[in-house]
């Protein structure tokens, strides 16, 4: 197996990849729909092209995402779960803190970026991380037990509070979901 790191694809690149993956007689409308639904994420383009839209139910796609996440090293899985539960871009330091990552944080982040599960961006002076696609985050959250989800919200609230950069509404949301 050879892994090649790709970034988010532009719309025309995503459509071209979907067309190529659809095979001999590709449907231009389907290729366009796959490109749009995937938001340029190569992992989702492959999954959506590999299975017909009728075959690839939401549950099947969620299961594929969860299986792929389960193959990750433990630190990367923890970080992915925290980022998914955060639900929107989160300060990278706070994400590392909530995932209990010390020295392995950068490696975990690199692993997640390599498989297009998360992306980072620089915002107002610090780095933030978010799931690459809302569908990825929803699939990860859907596989969590209620008590684990509650604990993650609590860890996120405490990490965001410690960062000093969280807005009060976001803190309240995570504290409430964390049982406070």
C-alpha atoms as a PDB file:
ATOM      1  CA  UNK A   1       0.000   0.000   0.000  1.00  0.00           C
ATOM      2  CA  UNK A   2       1.289   3.449  -0.875  1.00  0.00           C
ATOM      3  CA  UNK A   3      -0.097   6.513   0.895  1.00  0.00           C
ATOM      4  CA  UNK A   4       0.109   9.844  -0.875  1.00  0.00           C
ATOM      5  CA  UNK A   5      -0.773  12.984   1.047  1.00  0.00           C
ATOM      6  CA  UNK A   6      -3.306  15.137  -0.806  1.00  0.00           C
ATOM      7  CA  UNK A   7      -4.856  18.359   0.274  1.00  0.00           C
ATOM      8  CA  UNK A   8      -8.414  19.435  -0.296  1.00  0.00           C
ATOM      9  CA  UNK A   9      -9.159  19.261  -4.002  1.00  0.00           C
ATOM     10  CA  UNK A  10     -10.599  22.161  -5.957  1.00  0.00           C
ATOM     11  CA  UNK A  11     -14.081  21.585  -7.403  1.00  0.00           C
ATOM     12  CA  UNK A  12     -12.820  20.760 -10.901  1.00  0.00           C
ATOM     13  CA  UNK A  13     -10.138  18.418  -9.492  1.00  0.00           C
ATOM     14  CA  UNK A  14     -12.713  16.677  -7.289  1.00  0.00           C
ATOM     15  CA  UNK A  15     -15.024  16.234 -10.269  1.00  0.00           C
ATOM     16  CA  UNK A  16     -12.146  14.870 -12.393  1.00  0.00           C
ATOM     17  CA  UNK A  17     -11.180  12.386  -9.671  1.00  0.00           C
ATOM     18  CA  UNK A  18     -14.802  11.280  -9.257  1.00  0.00           C
ATOM     19  CA  UNK A  19     -15.117  10.863 -13.041  1.00  0.00           C
ATOM     20  CA  UNK A  20     -11.946   8.756 -13.117  1.00  0.00           C
ATOM     21  CA  UNK A  21     -13.075   6.605 -10.189  1.00  0.00           C
ATOM     22  CA  UNK A  22     -16.527   6.027 -11.688  1.00  0.00           C
ATOM     23  CA  UNK A  23     -14.916   4.056 -14.517  1.00  0.00           C
ATOM     24  CA  UNK A  24     -15.723   3.356 -18.141  1.00  0.00           C
ATOM     25  CA  UNK A  25     -19.033   5.200 -18.618  1.00  0.00           C
ATOM     26  CA  UNK A  26     -19.105   7.894 -15.949  1.00  0.00           C
ATOM     27  CA  UNK A  27     -22.248   9.930 -15.385  1.00  0.00           C
ATOM     28  CA  UNK A  28     -21.248  13.637 -15.401  1.00  0.00           C
ATOM     29  CA  UNK A  29     -24.123  14.519 -13.069  1.00  0.00           C
ATOM     30  CA  UNK A  30     -23.099  11.852 -10.580  1.00  0.00           C
ATOM     31  CA  UNK A  31     -19.445  12.952 -10.724  1.00  0.00           C
ATOM     32  CA  UNK A  32     -20.541  16.525 -10.046  1.00  0.00           C
ATOM     33  CA  UNK A  33     -22.732  15.399  -7.122  1.00  0.00           C
ATOM     34  CA  UNK A  34     -19.860  13.376  -5.637  1.00  0.00           C
ATOM     35  CA  UNK A  35     -17.492  16.352  -5.952  1.00  0.00           C
ATOM     36  CA  UNK A  36     -20.033  18.636  -4.269  1.00  0.00           C
ATOM     37  CA  UNK A  37     -20.935  16.201  -1.456  1.00  0.00           C
ATOM     38  CA  UNK A  38     -17.298  15.383  -0.669  1.00  0.00           C
ATOM     39  CA  UNK A  39     -16.263  19.054  -0.482  1.00  0.00           C
ATOM     40  CA  UNK A  40     -12.968  18.047  -2.119  1.00  0.00           C
ATOM     41  CA  UNK A  41     -12.083  15.370   0.449  1.00  0.00           C
ATOM     42  CA  UNK A  42     -10.309  12.566  -1.483  1.00  0.00           C
ATOM     43  CA  UNK A  43     -11.351   9.918   1.084  1.00  0.00           C
ATOM     44  CA  UNK A  44     -15.035  10.777   0.618  1.00  0.00           C
ATOM     45  CA  UNK A  45     -14.708  11.062  -3.178  1.00  0.00           C
ATOM     46  CA  UNK A  46     -13.344   7.521  -3.240  1.00  0.00           C
ATOM     47  CA  UNK A  47     -16.053   6.187  -0.903  1.00  0.00           C
ATOM     48  CA  UNK A  48     -18.880   7.901  -2.780  1.00  0.00           C
ATOM     49  CA  UNK A  49     -17.580   6.808  -6.197  1.00  0.00           C
ATOM     50  CA  UNK A  50     -16.842   3.242  -5.116  1.00  0.00           C
ATOM     51  CA  UNK A  51     -20.404   2.630  -3.986  1.00  0.00           C
ATOM     52  CA  UNK A  52     -23.469   3.755  -5.860  1.00  0.00           C
ATOM     53  CA  UNK A  53     -25.404   6.536  -4.212  1.00  0.00           C
ATOM     54  CA  UNK A  54     -28.210   4.015  -3.649  1.00  0.00           C
ATOM     55  CA  UNK A  55     -25.732   1.568  -2.061  1.00  0.00           C
ATOM     56  CA  UNK A  56     -23.848   4.076   0.075  1.00  0.00           C
ATOM     57  CA  UNK A  57     -26.351   4.800   2.780  1.00  0.00           C
ATOM     58  CA  UNK A  58     -25.473   7.161   5.573  1.00  0.00           C
ATOM     59  CA  UNK A  59     -25.016   4.199   7.922  1.00  0.00           C
ATOM     60  CA  UNK A  60     -22.586   2.469   5.563  1.00  0.00           C
ATOM     61  CA  UNK A  61     -20.512   5.615   5.074  1.00  0.00           C
ATOM     62  CA  UNK A  62     -20.463   6.184   8.845  1.00  0.00           C
ATOM     63  CA  UNK A  63     -19.271   2.609   9.367  1.00  0.00           C
ATOM     64  CA  UNK A  64     -16.520   3.060   6.759  1.00  0.00           C
ATOM     65  CA  UNK A  65     -15.355   6.222   8.519  1.00  0.00           C
ATOM     66  CA  UNK A  66     -15.395   4.530  11.932  1.00  0.00           C
ATOM     67  CA  UNK A  67     -13.425   1.543  10.617  1.00  0.00           C
ATOM     68  CA  UNK A  68     -10.830   3.829   9.085  1.00  0.00           C
ATOM     69  CA  UNK A  69     -10.597   5.778  12.360  1.00  0.00           C
ATOM     70  CA  UNK A  70     -10.187   2.538  14.321  1.00  0.00           C
ATOM     71  CA  UNK A  71      -7.048   1.798  12.275  1.00  0.00           C
ATOM     72  CA  UNK A  72      -5.381   4.954  13.603  1.00  0.00           C
ATOM     73  CA  UNK A  73      -2.926   4.940  16.486  1.00  0.00           C
ATOM     74  CA  UNK A  74      -4.514   5.655  19.874  1.00  0.00           C
ATOM     75  CA  UNK A  75      -3.296   9.289  20.154  1.00  0.00           C
ATOM     76  CA  UNK A  76      -4.696  10.112  16.699  1.00  0.00           C
ATOM     77  CA  UNK A  77      -8.047   8.490  17.579  1.00  0.00           C
ATOM     78  CA  UNK A  78      -8.237  10.531  20.787  1.00  0.00           C
ATOM     79  CA  UNK A  79      -7.489  13.754  18.947  1.00  0.00           C
ATOM     80  CA  UNK A  80     -10.013  12.964  16.202  1.00  0.00           C
ATOM     81  CA  UNK A  81     -12.697  12.296  18.791  1.00  0.00           C
ATOM     82  CA  UNK A  82     -12.015  15.564  20.598  1.00  0.00           C
ATOM     83  CA  UNK A  83     -12.061  17.553  17.366  1.00  0.00           C
ATOM     84  CA  UNK A  84     -15.310  15.879  16.290  1.00  0.00           C
ATOM     85  CA  UNK A  85     -16.993  16.587  19.618  1.00  0.00           C
ATOM     86  CA  UNK A  86     -15.801  20.208  19.492  1.00  0.00           C
ATOM     87  CA  UNK A  87     -18.070  20.560  16.462  1.00  0.00           C
ATOM     88  CA  UNK A  88     -16.255  23.564  14.996  1.00  0.00           C
ATOM     89  CA  UNK A  89     -12.701  24.845  14.743  1.00  0.00           C
ATOM     90  CA  UNK A  90     -10.893  24.564  18.063  1.00  0.00           C
ATOM     91  CA  UNK A  91      -7.599  25.973  19.286  1.00  0.00           C
ATOM     92  CA  UNK A  92      -4.967  23.313  18.589  1.00  0.00           C
ATOM     93  CA  UNK A  93      -3.454  23.585  22.057  1.00  0.00           C
ATOM     94  CA  UNK A  94      -6.861  23.152  23.677  1.00  0.00           C
ATOM     95  CA  UNK A  95      -7.546  20.116  21.452  1.00  0.00           C
ATOM     96  CA  UNK A  96      -4.219  18.548  22.479  1.00  0.00           C
ATOM     97  CA  UNK A  97      -5.030  19.281  26.137  1.00  0.00           C
ATOM     98  CA  UNK A  98      -8.542  17.786  25.923  1.00  0.00           C
ATOM     99  CA  UNK A  99      -7.159  14.689  24.170  1.00  0.00           C
ATOM    100  CA  UNK A 100      -4.478  14.325  26.875  1.00  0.00           C
ATOM    101  CA  UNK A 101      -1.698  14.558  24.300  1.00  0.00           C
ATOM    102  CA  UNK A 102       1.681  15.798  25.362  1.00  0.00           C
ATOM    103  CA  UNK A 103       4.605  14.931  23.136  1.00  0.00           C
ATOM    104  CA  UNK A 104       2.576  12.852  20.677  1.00  0.00           C
ATOM    105  CA  UNK A 105       0.230  15.683  19.679  1.00  0.00           C
ATOM    106  CA  UNK A 106       2.078  16.741  16.535  1.00  0.00           C
ATOM    107  CA  UNK A 107       2.386  13.141  15.303  1.00  0.00           C
ATOM    108  CA  UNK A 108      -1.312  12.517  15.974  1.00  0.00           C
ATOM    109  CA  UNK A 109      -2.236  15.662  14.076  1.00  0.00           C
ATOM    110  CA  UNK A 110       0.004  14.686  11.148  1.00  0.00           C
ATOM    111  CA  UNK A 111      -1.609  11.240  10.991  1.00  0.00           C
ATOM    112  CA  UNK A 112      -5.105  12.749  10.899  1.00  0.00           C
ATOM    113  CA  UNK A 113      -4.160  15.289   8.260  1.00  0.00           C
ATOM    114  CA  UNK A 114      -2.582  12.547   6.106  1.00  0.00           C
ATOM    115  CA  UNK A 115      -5.887  10.645   5.906  1.00  0.00           C
ATOM    116  CA  UNK A 116      -7.956  13.834   5.494  1.00  0.00           C
ATOM    117  CA  UNK A 117      -9.841  13.547   8.744  1.00  0.00           C
ATOM    118  CA  UNK A 118      -8.833  17.010   9.998  1.00  0.00           C
ATOM    119  CA  UNK A 119      -7.438  20.240   8.664  1.00  0.00           C
ATOM    120  CA  UNK A 120      -5.742  23.142  10.368  1.00  0.00           C
ATOM    121  CA  UNK A 121      -5.853  26.855   9.811  1.00  0.00           C
ATOM    122  CA  UNK A 122      -4.337  29.914  11.381  1.00  0.00           C
ATOM    123  CA  UNK A 123      -6.966  32.185  12.879  1.00  0.00           C
ATOM    124  CA  UNK A 124      -6.463  35.392  14.822  1.00  0.00           C
ATOM    125  CA  UNK A 125      -2.936  34.501  15.847  1.00  0.00           C
ATOM    126  CA  UNK A 126      -3.217  30.811  16.780  1.00  0.00           C
ATOM    127  CA  UNK A 127      -3.692  27.500  15.030  1.00  0.00           C
ATOM    128  CA  UNK A 128      -7.087  25.830  14.960  1.00  0.00           C
ATOM    129  CA  UNK A 129      -8.079  22.311  13.962  1.00  0.00           C
ATOM    130  CA  UNK A 130     -11.427  21.041  12.655  1.00  0.00           C
ATOM    131  CA  UNK A 131     -12.806  17.925  11.026  1.00  0.00           C
ATOM    132  CA  UNK A 132     -12.211  17.955   7.312  1.00  0.00           C
ATOM    133  CA  UNK A 133     -15.894  17.388   6.616  1.00  0.00           C
ATOM    134  CA  UNK A 134     -18.964  17.578   8.862  1.00  0.00           C
ATOM    135  CA  UNK A 135     -19.829  14.022   7.833  1.00  0.00           C
ATOM    136  CA  UNK A 136     -16.575  12.734   9.375  1.00  0.00           C
ATOM    137  CA  UNK A 137     -17.319  14.408  12.691  1.00  0.00           C
ATOM    138  CA  UNK A 138     -20.897  13.147  12.766  1.00  0.00           C
ATOM    139  CA  UNK A 139     -19.763   9.569  12.082  1.00  0.00           C
ATOM    140  CA  UNK A 140     -17.184   9.696  14.875  1.00  0.00           C
ATOM    141  CA  UNK A 141     -19.663  11.151  17.367  1.00  0.00           C
ATOM    142  CA  UNK A 142     -22.278   8.577  16.335  1.00  0.00           C
ATOM    143  CA  UNK A 143     -19.956   5.803  17.502  1.00  0.00           C
ATOM    144  CA  UNK A 144     -19.539   7.188  21.030  1.00  0.00           C
ATOM    145  CA  UNK A 145     -21.313   5.965  24.126  1.00  0.00           C
ATOM    146  CA  UNK A 146     -23.311   8.673  25.955  1.00  0.00           C
ATOM    147  CA  UNK A 147     -21.020   8.641  29.007  1.00  0.00           C
ATOM    148  CA  UNK A 148     -17.908   8.964  26.841  1.00  0.00           C
ATOM    149  CA  UNK A 149     -19.502  11.860  24.956  1.00  0.00           C
ATOM    150  CA  UNK A 150     -20.351  13.570  28.255  1.00  0.00           C
ATOM    151  CA  UNK A 151     -16.755  13.173  29.499  1.00  0.00           C
ATOM    152  CA  UNK A 152     -15.380  14.572  26.251  1.00  0.00           C
ATOM    153  CA  UNK A 153     -17.596  17.652  26.476  1.00  0.00           C
ATOM    154  CA  UNK A 154     -16.377  18.171  30.036  1.00  0.00           C
ATOM    155  CA  UNK A 155     -12.711  17.774  28.980  1.00  0.00           C
ATOM    156  CA  UNK A 156     -13.277  20.211  26.119  1.00  0.00           C
ATOM    157  CA  UNK A 157     -14.872  22.778  28.419  1.00  0.00           C
ATOM    158  CA  UNK A 158     -11.968  22.581  30.852  1.00  0.00           C
ATOM    159  CA  UNK A 159      -9.350  22.736  28.076  1.00  0.00           C
ATOM    160  CA  UNK A 160     -11.057  25.705  26.432  1.00  0.00           C
ATOM    161  CA  UNK A 161     -11.347  27.466  29.769  1.00  0.00           C
ATOM    162  CA  UNK A 162      -7.633  26.901  30.422  1.00  0.00           C
ATOM    163  CA  UNK A 163      -6.758  28.253  26.958  1.00  0.00           C
ATOM    164  CA  UNK A 164      -8.350  31.604  27.769  1.00  0.00           C
ATOM    165  CA  UNK A 165      -9.583  31.894  24.174  1.00  0.00           C
ATOM    166  CA  UNK A 166     -13.037  30.335  24.257  1.00  0.00           C
ATOM    167  CA  UNK A 167     -16.178  32.388  23.954  1.00  0.00           C
ATOM    168  CA  UNK A 168     -18.657  32.111  26.863  1.00  0.00           C
ATOM    169  CA  UNK A 169     -21.384  30.569  24.702  1.00  0.00           C
ATOM    170  CA  UNK A 170     -19.101  27.757  23.584  1.00  0.00           C
ATOM    171  CA  UNK A 171     -17.936  27.133  27.153  1.00  0.00           C
ATOM    172  CA  UNK A 172     -21.530  27.016  28.365  1.00  0.00           C
ATOM    173  CA  UNK A 173     -22.433  24.536  25.626  1.00  0.00           C
ATOM    174  CA  UNK A 174     -19.629  22.126  26.520  1.00  0.00           C
ATOM    175  CA  UNK A 175     -20.177  22.480  30.274  1.00  0.00           C
ATOM    176  CA  UNK A 176     -23.917  21.823  29.804  1.00  0.00           C
ATOM    177  CA  UNK A 177     -23.262  18.781  27.584  1.00  0.00           C
ATOM    178  CA  UNK A 178     -20.656  17.684  30.128  1.00  0.00           C
ATOM    179  CA  UNK A 179     -23.315  17.531  32.829  1.00  0.00           C
ATOM    180  CA  UNK A 180     -22.682  20.858  34.574  1.00  0.00           C
END
